[in-house]
Amino acid sequence: MDSFEEETLLLKQTDGSCVKQAVLDAGANLYELLFSEEEQAYYVGKWDCKGQQLYMLPVTELPQDTLADAAGCTVDAAGRLCLYTWEGSIFVFDREGQLTGQWESGMPLAENGFFVSGMDGFYWYQDMGGELLFYYLNEENGQFTAQISFPYDGDEAGILQVFGALDCIWIATGQSLYCYDLQENTPEKILSWQNPYINLDGGDLRLLGENSLGELVLLFQKIDASGFTLYEKAVISWADEGLLPQKETITLGTMLINGQPTADVEETVRQFNRYSQKYFVELVHYFPRDETGEIMENVYLDILQGQAPDLIDVSALDVASLADKEVFENLEPYLKDSQVIQKENILENVWEEGQIGGKFRLVIPFFQVNTYVSHAPAPGQGWTFEEFTQYAAAHPDTPLVVYMSYRQALGIALFAGMDSFVDYEQGKCNFTDASFSALLTEIRDMCMIQTGPMEDSVTVEEFQALFEEGAILLQEISFGSTEEFLLLQQQYGSASSWKGYPSLSGEPYHKMSSQLRLSMNSASKNKEGAWAFLEFLLSRENQERSRLLASFPVRKDSFEQYIRTPSQTAEPEKIDASAQDIALLVETIQASHMDNRSIDDDVFRIVCEESEAFFAGDKTVEEVTGLIQNRVQLYLSERYR
């Protein structure tokens, strides 16, 4: 395979018609079942491979509830379209789009298998687990007869997809694509989705066909972060793989979430692997900390001993403890020599969040913002923790949140304030300071008056309703686009204030979150390749993918375009942003900070553990702050010095 092209499109016609089912034939012609929202009617349509409409006909012979039950469609070599429903109804339209046949199979076809079409008609297949059984549809009586069997490796299957062609049936597993020759009754493995020159997610494949050049034309379904269904078109051409240059492998260490890497990470890697002609990124998985902490400690050992992957996702790591170890490459010299990205192109606060040990070592490709909205205790953003607790005291009968625990209050207070008590670079702390004692006392007094139902008994919608009713004083929100920001503005109205997290200075402070935060291993044997991936993340081309992720890009030019350009999937009434709206959005983003820059998980855990005795009334604040000081200082001496 020597070429790859892709484009993203939304399957919704300009006249408001929604595509319900779609399929490509062997000539890459597109057939669709559409529903006109304006006319409340169904149509069948056909477009050639150049996008020219060949027909668009209303379907008047069939009840709408039957068409609404359509589970899928296929097309045969003669250009006939076959629709089938979840309940087992079958409908065939001729090459001109006219209904010519309909049958009731008596079987729930979509639950057992899906229709595919071969050279001689339509087939239904059944997945038996390790074997596919294909049944031929006899159009004279609407009955099925057993035809062929396709055994497959159950471990390879993943999500099976089956597509018809002129003289074969295409069978896509999660790892590979097979071609089953109907004349020879033999399967052949055509390609692996993980091929360095392809790198596609076979599980997302929805349509497949061949064009007149013999190239494969594929359509992959994607669900963006806003819940919209998008499709990516891919064209794969053929070449002697032995004549193509061998790609150099770059390793990327990432933390598994619930046993799997995040979909965004995998898709970003696939994008780069298709983009680069020289490098291929391979994921190396680490597991998050277990009860003993052993696995997480192995990550630190690999990093300190120079055995870590070329690139490391540090999202779950305590990067402050590694700041002075020179284990992460300083990326500033690479930026100076880059033709793709310079320091001046990166948002200032993102640049600051990329600092480790005073040097730019951390790449954040996209981000979202999390913050707290209050019932406008004071104009503008930002507040001190004293103002925060005074707000709670002024409303003794209304809880700040649905359930305010001591730990949650500490988390809110120390998100922006931990650096006031801990100097990670020097490996020192000062929890015996009077301001920390006052903070603990304020939290104790505040939580004593804050009551409410347990948090895990309330849904997201109920949270919002409670806030709007005035039953709680704070609501945590997140957004990654102008549309989401404006929608939240509309939801909460002018009576609310985007206060954010309390800080010692009272300046605005919000949380920046990102699923991918990468550093280059300073011991990497292929720094050029590692930088090529980081450079790709910050390229204009990749930054424009931010809308699919519902996240803000970090390049200034991409950011400016993103916040002012409506999404093609957004509703028009939600994107009319005024200059004041944009100014507030930018102000909020500029005051956002990564959570791992302020709170070290282990330090925070020690603070919470020792504070419990004070909150319970078992120890004085002086006793507790002394214990916290000793434990944290010992930890810092071991970890940071």
Foldseek 3Di string as FASTA:
>chain_A
DPDKDKDKDAQADPQGKHFPEWEAAQARKIWTWIARPVVRFIWIWIAGNVGHTPDIGTDDPDDPVQVVQWDYWAAEPQQKIWTAGQQAKIWIAGNNRHTDAIDRARDRQVVAFDWAYEQVGIWGWGCPQQKIWIWGQDRVHRYTDTDAMDGDDNVFADDWDWYYYNQWIWIFGQFFIWTQGSVVRDIDTDDTCCPLQHVDGSNQWDYWHHHPVRWIWTKGWDQFPVRRIMIMIMTGDDDDPVPADDAAEFEEEDEADVNHADPVVSVLQSVVSNVDSHHHYDYDYFYDQDPVRVSVVVQVVCLLVLNDTQKYFCLPPLLLLCLPSCQFDQCQVVQVPDPFHHPVQFDPQQQVQCDRNRGRFKFFFWKKWKFKKFQPPDDDAFFAVVVVLVVLVVCLQAAQAQADDLLNLLLLNQLQPQVVAADLQVLAGHLLDVVNLVSLVSSLVSNVSHDHDDPVVADPVRRLVCCQVVNHGMDMDMAAALLVLLVVCVSNDPSMYRHGGHYNVRDHEIAIDGSGMMTGGPSDPCNVNVVVSSSVSLGLVNQLCSVSHRTAGGGPVSNVCGHQPDDPPDDVVRNPDDPVSVVVVVSNVSRHHHSSVGDDVVLSVLLVVLSVCVSVVNDPSSVSSVSSNVVSSVVSVVRRD
